[in-house]
Amino acid sequence: MSKITELASGQVTTTESVTVDLVEADEKPAVVIVRWPAKPAVIHPHRFPDVAAILARLFAEAATALAGIKANKRL
């Protein structure tokens, strides 16, 4: 049995999103899974700084959520 907790999720482009999940299994160590778009995202160079900021914010949110879970001694 596995417990999946979404740590963060966000739209990278109008059609692609990235999700970061914590997977806790009964018999295995916990892991973090990053779900990237299946295909490469095509981004105009003028928009790239915004997309980079979205990804940085998403990973910071995921790291903060994971730290909160660790603080509650679940990991």
PDB file of N, CA and C in Angstrom:
ATOM      1  N   MET A   1       0.844  -1.178   0.000  1.00  0.00           N
ATOM      2  CA  MET A   1       0.000   0.000   0.000  1.00  0.00           C
ATOM      3  C   MET A   1       0.887   1.238   0.000  1.00  0.00           C
ATOM      4  N   SER A   2       0.584   2.186  -0.841  1.00  0.00           N
ATOM      5  CA  SER A   2       1.352   3.424  -0.938  1.00  0.00           C
ATOM      6  C   SER A   2       0.466   4.623  -0.641  1.00  0.00           C
ATOM      7  N   LYS A   3       1.069   5.617  -0.009  1.00  0.00           N
ATOM      8  CA  LYS A   3       0.392   6.890   0.213  1.00  0.00           C
ATOM      9  C   LYS A   3       1.074   7.914  -0.671  1.00  0.00           C
ATOM     10  N   ILE A   4       0.305   8.625  -1.500  1.00  0.00           N
ATOM     11  CA  ILE A   4       0.849   9.640  -2.400  1.00  0.00           C
ATOM     12  C   ILE A   4       0.359  11.008  -1.934  1.00  0.00           C
ATOM     13  N   THR A   5       1.321  11.891  -1.677  1.00  0.00           N
ATOM     14  CA  THR A   5       1.022  13.253  -1.254  1.00  0.00           C
ATOM     15  C   THR A   5       1.570  14.213  -2.303  1.00  0.00           C
ATOM     16  N   GLU A   6       0.719  15.037  -2.869  1.00  0.00           N
ATOM     17  CA  GLU A   6       1.191  16.038  -3.822  1.00  0.00           C
ATOM     18  C   GLU A   6       1.875  17.156  -3.046  1.00  0.00           C
ATOM     19  N   LEU A   7       3.155  17.372  -3.347  1.00  0.00           N
ATOM     20  CA  LEU A   7       3.913  18.429  -2.692  1.00  0.00           C
ATOM     21  C   LEU A   7       3.736  19.763  -3.407  1.00  0.00           C
ATOM     22  N   ALA A   8       3.653  19.725  -4.735  1.00  0.00           N
ATOM     23  CA  ALA A   8       3.465  20.941  -5.531  1.00  0.00           C
ATOM     24  C   ALA A   8       3.070  20.551  -6.949  1.00  0.00           C
ATOM     25  N   SER A   9       2.404  21.489  -7.613  1.00  0.00           N
ATOM     26  CA  SER A   9       2.003  21.275  -8.998  1.00  0.00           C
ATOM     27  C   SER A   9       1.804  22.638  -9.642  1.00  0.00           C
ATOM     28  N   GLY A  10       2.150  22.739 -10.922  1.00  0.00           N
ATOM     29  CA  GLY A  10       1.958  24.012 -11.594  1.00  0.00           C
ATOM     30  C   GLY A  10       2.025  23.897 -13.096  1.00  0.00           C
ATOM     31  N   GLN A  11       1.362  24.823 -13.763  1.00  0.00           N
ATOM     32  CA  GLN A  11       1.384  24.907 -15.226  1.00  0.00           C
ATOM     33  C   GLN A  11       2.687  25.563 -15.663  1.00  0.00           C
ATOM     34  N   VAL A  12       3.425  24.908 -16.550  1.00  0.00           N
ATOM     35  CA  VAL A  12       4.662  25.463 -17.090  1.00  0.00           C
ATOM     36  C   VAL A  12       4.352  26.260 -18.355  1.00  0.00           C
ATOM     37  N   THR A  13       3.492  25.701 -19.184  1.00  0.00           N
ATOM     38  CA  THR A  13       3.002  26.391 -20.371  1.00  0.00           C
ATOM     39  C   THR A  13       1.482  26.230 -20.365  1.00  0.00           C
ATOM     40  N   THR A  14       0.841  26.695 -21.403  1.00  0.00           N
ATOM     41  CA  THR A  14      -0.619  26.562 -21.443  1.00  0.00           C
ATOM     42  C   THR A  14      -1.076  25.113 -21.542  1.00  0.00           C
ATOM     43  N   THR A  15      -0.187  24.231 -22.006  1.00  0.00           N
ATOM     44  CA  THR A  15      -0.581  22.826 -22.176  1.00  0.00           C
ATOM     45  C   THR A  15       0.192  21.848 -21.300  1.00  0.00           C
ATOM     46  N   GLU A  16       1.294  22.272 -20.688  1.00  0.00           N
ATOM     47  CA  GLU A  16       2.115  21.347 -19.899  1.00  0.00           C
ATOM     48  C   GLU A  16       2.185  21.766 -18.440  1.00  0.00           C
ATOM     49  N   SER A  17       2.169  20.743 -17.568  1.00  0.00           N
ATOM     50  CA  SER A  17       2.306  21.005 -16.138  1.00  0.00           C
ATOM     51  C   SER A  17       3.378  20.086 -15.557  1.00  0.00           C
ATOM     52  N   VAL A  18       3.850  20.461 -14.379  1.00  0.00           N
ATOM     53  CA  VAL A  18       4.825  19.663 -13.634  1.00  0.00           C
ATOM     54  C   VAL A  18       4.216  19.400 -12.265  1.00  0.00           C
ATOM     55  N   THR A  19       4.343  18.160 -11.792  1.00  0.00           N
ATOM     56  CA  THR A  19       3.829  17.780 -10.487  1.00  0.00           C
ATOM     57  C   THR A  19       4.942  17.104  -9.693  1.00  0.00           C
ATOM     58  N   VAL A  20       5.019  17.428  -8.397  1.00  0.00           N
ATOM     59  CA  VAL A  20       5.990  16.805  -7.506  1.00  0.00           C
ATOM     60  C   VAL A  20       5.202  16.081  -6.419  1.00  0.00           C
ATOM     61  N   ASP A  21       5.389  14.756  -6.329  1.00  0.00           N
ATOM     62  CA  ASP A  21       4.663  13.929  -5.369  1.00  0.00           C
ATOM     63  C   ASP A  21       5.622  13.231  -4.419  1.00  0.00           C
ATOM     64  N   LEU A  22       5.180  13.059  -3.184  1.00  0.00           N
ATOM     65  CA  LEU A  22       5.874  12.217  -2.210  1.00  0.00           C
ATOM     66  C   LEU A  22       5.139  10.892  -2.180  1.00  0.00           C
ATOM     67  N   VAL A  23       5.870   9.797  -2.391  1.00  0.00           N
ATOM     68  CA  VAL A  23       5.279   8.465  -2.361  1.00  0.00           C
ATOM     69  C   VAL A  23       5.868   7.716  -1.175  1.00  0.00           C
ATOM     70  N   GLU A  24       4.989   7.334  -0.253  1.00  0.00           N
ATOM     71  CA  GLU A  24       5.395   6.582   0.931  1.00  0.00           C
ATOM     72  C   GLU A  24       4.789   5.185   0.845  1.00  0.00           C
ATOM     73  N   ALA A  25       5.647   4.189   0.725  1.00  0.00           N
ATOM     74  CA  ALA A  25       5.195   2.801   0.636  1.00  0.00           C
ATOM     75  C   ALA A  25       5.466   2.105   1.962  1.00  0.00           C
ATOM     76  N   ASP A  26       4.670   1.096   2.268  1.00  0.00           N
ATOM     77  CA  ASP A  26       4.829   0.372   3.531  1.00  0.00           C
ATOM     78  C   ASP A  26       6.180  -0.324   3.634  1.00  0.00           C
ATOM     79  N   GLU A  27       6.626  -0.915   2.541  1.00  0.00           N
ATOM     80  CA  GLU A  27       7.814  -1.760   2.606  1.00  0.00           C
ATOM     81  C   GLU A  27       9.047  -1.157   1.950  1.00  0.00           C
ATOM     82  N   LYS A  28       8.964   0.068   1.454  1.00  0.00           N
ATOM     83  CA  LYS A  28      10.089   0.708   0.774  1.00  0.00           C
ATOM     84  C   LYS A  28      10.312   2.094   1.349  1.00  0.00           C
ATOM     85  N   PRO A  29      11.519   2.648   1.162  1.00  0.00           N
ATOM     86  CA  PRO A  29      11.738   4.029   1.603  1.00  0.00           C
ATOM     87  C   PRO A  29      10.878   5.003   0.788  1.00  0.00           C
ATOM     88  N   ALA A  30      10.582   6.124   1.393  1.00  0.00           N
ATOM     89  CA  ALA A  30       9.813   7.159   0.702  1.00  0.00           C
ATOM     90  C   ALA A  30      10.640   7.723  -0.455  1.00  0.00           C
ATOM     91  N   VAL A  31       9.954   8.140  -1.513  1.00  0.00           N
ATOM     92  CA  VAL A  31      10.617   8.746  -2.667  1.00  0.00           C
ATOM     93  C   VAL A  31       9.814   9.963  -3.120  1.00  0.00           C
ATOM     94  N   VAL A  32      10.508  10.876  -3.787  1.00  0.00           N
ATOM     95  CA  VAL A  32       9.862  12.023  -4.416  1.00  0.00           C
ATOM     96  C   VAL A  32       9.879  11.784  -5.919  1.00  0.00           C
ATOM     97  N   ILE A  33       8.728  11.927  -6.549  1.00  0.00           N
ATOM     98  CA  ILE A  33       8.604  11.725  -7.985  1.00  0.00           C
ATOM     99  C   ILE A  33       8.249  13.062  -8.631  1.00  0.00           C
ATOM    100  N   VAL A  34       9.029  13.456  -9.621  1.00  0.00           N
ATOM    101  CA  VAL A  34       8.755  14.667 -10.388  1.00  0.00           C
ATOM    102  C   VAL A  34       8.179  14.226 -11.731  1.00  0.00           C
ATOM    103  N   ARG A  35       6.969  14.641 -12.012  1.00  0.00           N
ATOM    104  CA  ARG A  35       6.305  14.281 -13.273  1.00  0.00           C
ATOM    105  C   ARG A  35       6.424  15.457 -14.234  1.00  0.00           C
ATOM    106  N   TRP A  36       7.283  15.280 -15.237  1.00  0.00           N
ATOM    107  CA  TRP A  36       7.533  16.290 -16.262  1.00  0.00           C
ATOM    108  C   TRP A  36       6.602  16.044 -17.439  1.00  0.00           C
ATOM    109  N   PRO A  37       6.434  17.029 -18.307  1.00  0.00           N
ATOM    110  CA  PRO A  37       5.647  16.791 -19.527  1.00  0.00           C
ATOM    111  C   PRO A  37       6.262  15.656 -20.352  1.00  0.00           C
ATOM    112  N   ALA A  38       5.416  14.946 -21.044  1.00  0.00           N
ATOM    113  CA  ALA A  38       5.879  13.816 -21.846  1.00  0.00           C
ATOM    114  C   ALA A  38       6.750  14.254 -23.022  1.00  0.00           C
ATOM    115  N   LYS A  39       6.490  15.455 -23.525  1.00  0.00           N
ATOM    116  CA  LYS A  39       7.250  15.970 -24.666  1.00  0.00           C
ATOM    117  C   LYS A  39       7.980  17.242 -24.243  1.00  0.00           C
ATOM    118  N   PRO A  40       9.042  17.598 -24.941  1.00  0.00           N
ATOM    119  CA  PRO A  40       9.737  18.855 -24.619  1.00  0.00           C
ATOM    120  C   PRO A  40       8.798  20.048 -24.759  1.00  0.00           C
ATOM    121  N   ALA A  41       8.932  20.989 -23.846  1.00  0.00           N
ATOM    122  CA  ALA A  41       8.139  22.208 -23.906  1.00  0.00           C
ATOM    123  C   ALA A  41       8.850  23.219 -24.798  1.00  0.00           C
ATOM    124  N   VAL A  42       8.116  23.829 -25.705  1.00  0.00           N
ATOM    125  CA  VAL A  42       8.659  24.852 -26.588  1.00  0.00           C
ATOM    126  C   VAL A  42       8.268  26.210 -26.005  1.00  0.00           C
ATOM    127  N   ILE A  43       9.285  27.008 -25.665  1.00  0.00           N
ATOM    128  CA  ILE A  43       9.050  28.284 -24.989  1.00  0.00           C
ATOM    129  C   ILE A  43       9.789  29.383 -25.742  1.00  0.00           C
ATOM    130  N   HIS A  44       9.113  30.483 -26.008  1.00  0.00           N
ATOM    131  CA  HIS A  44       9.748  31.625 -26.657  1.00  0.00           C
ATOM    132  C   HIS A  44      10.808  32.194 -25.700  1.00  0.00           C
ATOM    133  N   PRO A  45      11.968  32.608 -26.223  1.00  0.00           N
ATOM    134  CA  PRO A  45      13.027  33.140 -25.365  1.00  0.00           C
ATOM    135  C   PRO A  45      12.578  34.292 -24.456  1.00  0.00           C
ATOM    136  N   HIS A  46      11.633  35.110 -24.914  1.00  0.00           N
ATOM    137  CA  HIS A  46      11.156  36.214 -24.071  1.00  0.00           C
ATOM    138  C   HIS A  46      10.364  35.710 -22.869  1.00  0.00           C
ATOM    139  N   ARG A  47       9.758  34.548 -23.002  1.00  0.00           N
ATOM    140  CA  ARG A  47       8.948  33.976 -21.927  1.00  0.00           C
ATOM    141  C   ARG A  47       9.748  33.067 -21.004  1.00  0.00           C
ATOM    142  N   PHE A  48      10.953  32.694 -21.405  1.00  0.00           N
ATOM    143  CA  PHE A  48      11.741  31.748 -20.625  1.00  0.00           C
ATOM    144  C   PHE A  48      11.971  32.186 -19.176  1.00  0.00           C
ATOM    145  N   PRO A  49      12.312  33.443 -18.882  1.00  0.00           N
ATOM    146  CA  PRO A  49      12.500  33.827 -17.470  1.00  0.00           C
ATOM    147  C   PRO A  49      11.252  33.569 -16.614  1.00  0.00           C
ATOM    148  N   ASP A  50      10.071  33.780 -17.169  1.00  0.00           N
ATOM    149  CA  ASP A  50       8.835  33.514 -16.428  1.00  0.00           C
ATOM    150  C   ASP A  50       8.669  32.024 -16.142  1.00  0.00           C
ATOM    151  N   VAL A  51       8.971  31.198 -17.131  1.00  0.00           N
ATOM    152  CA  VAL A  51       8.857  29.751 -16.954  1.00  0.00           C
ATOM    153  C   VAL A  51       9.884  29.273 -15.929  1.00  0.00           C
ATOM    154  N   ALA A  52      11.097  29.801 -15.990  1.00  0.00           N
ATOM    155  CA  ALA A  52      12.127  29.442 -15.009  1.00  0.00           C
ATOM    156  C   ALA A  52      11.676  29.830 -13.600  1.00  0.00           C
ATOM    157  N   ALA A  53      11.044  30.983 -13.460  1.00  0.00           N
ATOM    158  CA  ALA A  53      10.540  31.418 -12.158  1.00  0.00           C
ATOM    159  C   ALA A  53       9.429  30.498 -11.657  1.00  0.00           C
ATOM    160  N   ILE A  54       8.564  30.072 -12.561  1.00  0.00           N
ATOM    161  CA  ILE A  54       7.489  29.138 -12.189  1.00  0.00           C
ATOM    162  C   ILE A  54       8.084  27.841 -11.659  1.00  0.00           C
ATOM    163  N   LEU A  55       9.085  27.309 -12.360  1.00  0.00           N
ATOM    164  CA  LEU A  55       9.711  26.060 -11.924  1.00  0.00           C
ATOM    165  C   LEU A  55      10.431  26.231 -10.592  1.00  0.00           C
ATOM    166  N   ALA A  56      11.145  27.347 -10.415  1.00  0.00           N
ATOM    167  CA  ALA A  56      11.840  27.595  -9.147  1.00  0.00           C
ATOM    168  C   ALA A  56      10.836  27.688  -7.996  1.00  0.00           C
ATOM    169  N   ARG A  57       9.728  28.392  -8.231  1.00  0.00           N
ATOM    170  CA  ARG A  57       8.691  28.523  -7.212  1.00  0.00           C
ATOM    171  C   ARG A  57       8.069  27.169  -6.888  1.00  0.00           C
ATOM    172  N   LEU A  58       7.836  26.363  -7.922  1.00  0.00           N
ATOM    173  CA  LEU A  58       7.237  25.046  -7.737  1.00  0.00           C
ATOM    174  C   LEU A  58       8.147  24.148  -6.895  1.00  0.00           C
ATOM    175  N   PHE A  59       9.448  24.139  -7.202  1.00  0.00           N
ATOM    176  CA  PHE A  59      10.373  23.307  -6.432  1.00  0.00           C
ATOM    177  C   PHE A  59      10.547  23.832  -5.008  1.00  0.00           C
ATOM    178  N   ALA A  60      10.514  25.150  -4.822  1.00  0.00           N
ATOM    179  CA  ALA A  60      10.592  25.714  -3.474  1.00  0.00           C
ATOM    180  C   ALA A  60       9.362  25.322  -2.659  1.00  0.00           C
ATOM    181  N   GLU A  61       8.206  25.358  -3.292  1.00  0.00           N
ATOM    182  CA  GLU A  61       6.968  24.948  -2.625  1.00  0.00           C
ATOM    183  C   GLU A  61       7.027  23.474  -2.230  1.00  0.00           C
ATOM    184  N   ALA A  62       7.526  22.639  -3.140  1.00  0.00           N
ATOM    185  CA  ALA A  62       7.642  21.205  -2.853  1.00  0.00           C
ATOM    186  C   ALA A  62       8.625  20.963  -1.709  1.00  0.00           C
ATOM    187  N   ALA A  63       9.757  21.668  -1.716  1.00  0.00           N
ATOM    188  CA  ALA A  63      10.758  21.495  -0.653  1.00  0.00           C
ATOM    189  C   ALA A  63      10.198  21.944   0.693  1.00  0.00           C
ATOM    190  N   THR A  64       9.427  23.019   0.703  1.00  0.00           N
ATOM    191  CA  THR A  64       8.812  23.504   1.939  1.00  0.00           C
ATOM    192  C   THR A  64       7.783  22.505   2.459  1.00  0.00           C
ATOM    193  N   ALA A  65       6.969  21.970   1.570  1.00  0.00           N
ATOM    194  CA  ALA A  65       5.971  20.972   1.974  1.00  0.00           C
ATOM    195  C   ALA A  65       6.650  19.725   2.524  1.00  0.00           C
ATOM    196  N   LEU A  66       7.723  19.287   1.871  1.00  0.00           N
ATOM    197  CA  LEU A  66       8.450  18.110   2.349  1.00  0.00           C
ATOM    198  C   LEU A  66       9.074  18.381   3.717  1.00  0.00           C
ATOM    199  N   ALA A  67       9.620  19.569   3.918  1.00  0.00           N
ATOM    200  CA  ALA A  67      10.195  19.927   5.219  1.00  0.00           C
ATOM    201  C   ALA A  67       9.130  19.896   6.312  1.00  0.00           C
ATOM    202  N   GLY A  68       7.918  20.342   5.993  1.00  0.00           N
ATOM    203  CA  GLY A  68       6.824  20.281   6.955  1.00  0.00           C
ATOM    204  C   GLY A  68       6.455  18.857   7.316  1.00  0.00           C
ATOM    205  N   ILE A  69       6.473  17.984   6.344  1.00  0.00           N
ATOM    206  CA  ILE A  69       6.175  16.571   6.606  1.00  0.00           C
ATOM    207  C   ILE A  69       7.267  15.968   7.481  1.00  0.00           C
ATOM    208  N   LYS A  70       8.519  16.284   7.169  1.00  0.00           N
ATOM    209  CA  LYS A  70       9.648  15.782   7.978  1.00  0.00           C
ATOM    210  C   LYS A  70       9.564  16.313   9.409  1.00  0.00           C
ATOM    211  N   ALA A  71       9.171  17.576   9.566  1.00  0.00           N
ATOM    212  CA  ALA A  71       9.059  18.176  10.905  1.00  0.00           C
ATOM    213  C   ALA A  71       7.998  17.473  11.740  1.00  0.00           C
ATOM    214  N   ASN A  72       6.970  16.960  11.070  1.00  0.00           N
ATOM    215  CA  ASN A  72       5.924  16.214  11.776  1.00  0.00           C
ATOM    216  C   ASN A  72       6.317  14.760  11.994  1.00  0.00           C
ATOM    217  N   LYS A  73       7.578  14.433  11.680  1.00  0.00           N
ATOM    218  CA  LYS A  73       8.172  13.106  11.916  1.00  0.00           C
ATOM    219  C   LYS A  73       7.505  11.983  11.128  1.00  0.00           C
ATOM    220  N   ARG A  74       6.901  12.312   9.986  1.00  0.00           N
ATOM    221  CA  ARG A  74       6.324  11.268   9.157  1.00  0.00           C
ATOM    222  C   ARG A  74       7.380  10.556   8.333  1.00  0.00           C
ATOM    223  N   LEU A  75       8.568  11.165   8.167  1.00  0.00           N
ATOM    224  CA  LEU A  75       9.638  10.527   7.384  1.00  0.00           C
ATOM    225  C   LEU A  75      10.830  10.275   8.263  1.00  0.00           C
TER     226      LEU A  75
END
